[in-house]
């Protein structure tokens, strides 16, 4: 039986991993410029960002879109 693979780049990736990679690559300053949300500009931390993103679908969608666009840069 063939193993099915997902074409979804977010498949199996936690929001915490997404945030850690984005922060490591861009830093909070650049993230705050790319995605205008307070949790990236006012006293930012991964923990506070995760709390906000888990409650706010539109913001999470923007973060996930940036992650997908940035994947080629991470390699």
C-alpha atoms as a PDB file:
ATOM      1  CA  UNK A   1       0.000   0.000   0.000  1.00  0.00           C
ATOM      2  CA  UNK A   2       1.329   3.432  -0.930  1.00  0.00           C
ATOM      3  CA  UNK A   3       1.824   5.974   1.768  1.00  0.00           C
ATOM      4  CA  UNK A   4      -0.248   9.093   1.125  1.00  0.00           C
ATOM      5  CA  UNK A   5       1.562  12.381   1.358  1.00  0.00           C
ATOM      6  CA  UNK A   6      -0.150  15.690   1.903  1.00  0.00           C
ATOM      7  CA  UNK A   7       0.409  18.588  -0.474  1.00  0.00           C
ATOM      8  CA  UNK A   8      -0.380  20.968   2.373  1.00  0.00           C
ATOM      9  CA  UNK A   9       2.906  22.560   3.535  1.00  0.00           C
ATOM     10  CA  UNK A  10       1.322  23.142   6.955  1.00  0.00           C
ATOM     11  CA  UNK A  11       0.426  19.468   7.412  1.00  0.00           C
ATOM     12  CA  UNK A  12       1.946  18.223  10.655  1.00  0.00           C
ATOM     13  CA  UNK A  13       3.499  21.609  11.486  1.00  0.00           C
ATOM     14  CA  UNK A  14       2.442  23.194  14.772  1.00  0.00           C
ATOM     15  CA  UNK A  15       1.707  26.889  15.096  1.00  0.00           C
ATOM     16  CA  UNK A  16       4.575  27.054  17.605  1.00  0.00           C
ATOM     17  CA  UNK A  17       6.996  25.686  14.981  1.00  0.00           C
ATOM     18  CA  UNK A  18       5.671  28.170  12.416  1.00  0.00           C
ATOM     19  CA  UNK A  19       6.262  31.056  14.838  1.00  0.00           C
ATOM     20  CA  UNK A  20       9.713  29.829  15.906  1.00  0.00           C
ATOM     21  CA  UNK A  21      10.882  29.578  12.288  1.00  0.00           C
ATOM     22  CA  UNK A  22       9.453  32.975  11.332  1.00  0.00           C
ATOM     23  CA  UNK A  23      10.952  34.700  14.380  1.00  0.00           C
ATOM     24  CA  UNK A  24      14.335  33.019  13.835  1.00  0.00           C
ATOM     25  CA  UNK A  25      14.360  34.103  10.184  1.00  0.00           C
ATOM     26  CA  UNK A  26      12.748  37.567  10.306  1.00  0.00           C
ATOM     27  CA  UNK A  27      12.805  38.641  13.944  1.00  0.00           C
ATOM     28  CA  UNK A  28       9.838  40.363  15.577  1.00  0.00           C
ATOM     29  CA  UNK A  29      10.713  43.799  14.111  1.00  0.00           C
ATOM     30  CA  UNK A  30      10.378  42.592  10.534  1.00  0.00           C
ATOM     31  CA  UNK A  31       7.389  40.376  11.352  1.00  0.00           C
ATOM     32  CA  UNK A  32       5.639  43.442  12.775  1.00  0.00           C
ATOM     33  CA  UNK A  33       6.277  45.295   9.505  1.00  0.00           C
ATOM     34  CA  UNK A  34       5.130  42.379   7.327  1.00  0.00           C
ATOM     35  CA  UNK A  35       2.035  41.573   9.396  1.00  0.00           C
ATOM     36  CA  UNK A  36       0.594  44.536  11.274  1.00  0.00           C
ATOM     37  CA  UNK A  37      -0.508  42.936  14.531  1.00  0.00           C
ATOM     38  CA  UNK A  38       0.247  44.242  18.006  1.00  0.00           C
ATOM     39  CA  UNK A  39       1.590  40.956  19.383  1.00  0.00           C
ATOM     40  CA  UNK A  40       4.585  41.366  17.009  1.00  0.00           C
ATOM     41  CA  UNK A  41       5.265  45.027  17.827  1.00  0.00           C
ATOM     42  CA  UNK A  42       4.341  45.641  21.483  1.00  0.00           C
ATOM     43  CA  UNK A  43       6.469  43.606  23.900  1.00  0.00           C
ATOM     44  CA  UNK A  44       6.533  40.576  21.561  1.00  0.00           C
ATOM     45  CA  UNK A  45       7.132  36.992  22.607  1.00  0.00           C
ATOM     46  CA  UNK A  46       6.362  33.671  20.989  1.00  0.00           C
ATOM     47  CA  UNK A  47       4.114  32.740  23.930  1.00  0.00           C
ATOM     48  CA  UNK A  48       1.967  35.899  23.698  1.00  0.00           C
ATOM     49  CA  UNK A  49       1.846  35.641  19.906  1.00  0.00           C
ATOM     50  CA  UNK A  50       0.645  32.025  20.082  1.00  0.00           C
ATOM     51  CA  UNK A  51      -2.094  32.995  22.539  1.00  0.00           C
ATOM     52  CA  UNK A  52      -3.306  35.751  20.196  1.00  0.00           C
ATOM     53  CA  UNK A  53      -3.008  33.711  16.998  1.00  0.00           C
ATOM     54  CA  UNK A  54      -4.937  30.764  18.431  1.00  0.00           C
ATOM     55  CA  UNK A  55      -7.883  33.083  19.122  1.00  0.00           C
ATOM     56  CA  UNK A  56      -7.688  35.214  15.960  1.00  0.00           C
ATOM     57  CA  UNK A  57      -8.295  33.380  12.696  1.00  0.00           C
ATOM     58  CA  UNK A  58      -7.479  36.264  10.308  1.00  0.00           C
ATOM     59  CA  UNK A  59      -4.118  36.869  11.990  1.00  0.00           C
ATOM     60  CA  UNK A  60      -3.256  33.162  12.048  1.00  0.00           C
ATOM     61  CA  UNK A  61      -4.083  32.942   8.333  1.00  0.00           C
ATOM     62  CA  UNK A  62      -1.672  35.811   7.566  1.00  0.00           C
ATOM     63  CA  UNK A  63       1.087  34.169   9.618  1.00  0.00           C
ATOM     64  CA  UNK A  64       0.529  30.813   7.895  1.00  0.00           C
ATOM     65  CA  UNK A  65       0.574  32.499   4.453  1.00  0.00           C
ATOM     66  CA  UNK A  66       3.876  34.220   5.279  1.00  0.00           C
ATOM     67  CA  UNK A  67       5.301  30.910   6.507  1.00  0.00           C
ATOM     68  CA  UNK A  68       4.339  29.149   3.258  1.00  0.00           C
ATOM     69  CA  UNK A  69       5.824  31.990   1.151  1.00  0.00           C
ATOM     70  CA  UNK A  70       8.994  31.875   3.255  1.00  0.00           C
ATOM     71  CA  UNK A  71       9.571  28.099   3.144  1.00  0.00           C
ATOM     72  CA  UNK A  72      12.051  28.270   0.215  1.00  0.00           C
ATOM     73  CA  UNK A  73      14.120  30.827   2.196  1.00  0.00           C
ATOM     74  CA  UNK A  74      14.410  28.530   5.246  1.00  0.00           C
ATOM     75  CA  UNK A  75      16.382  25.847   3.385  1.00  0.00           C
END
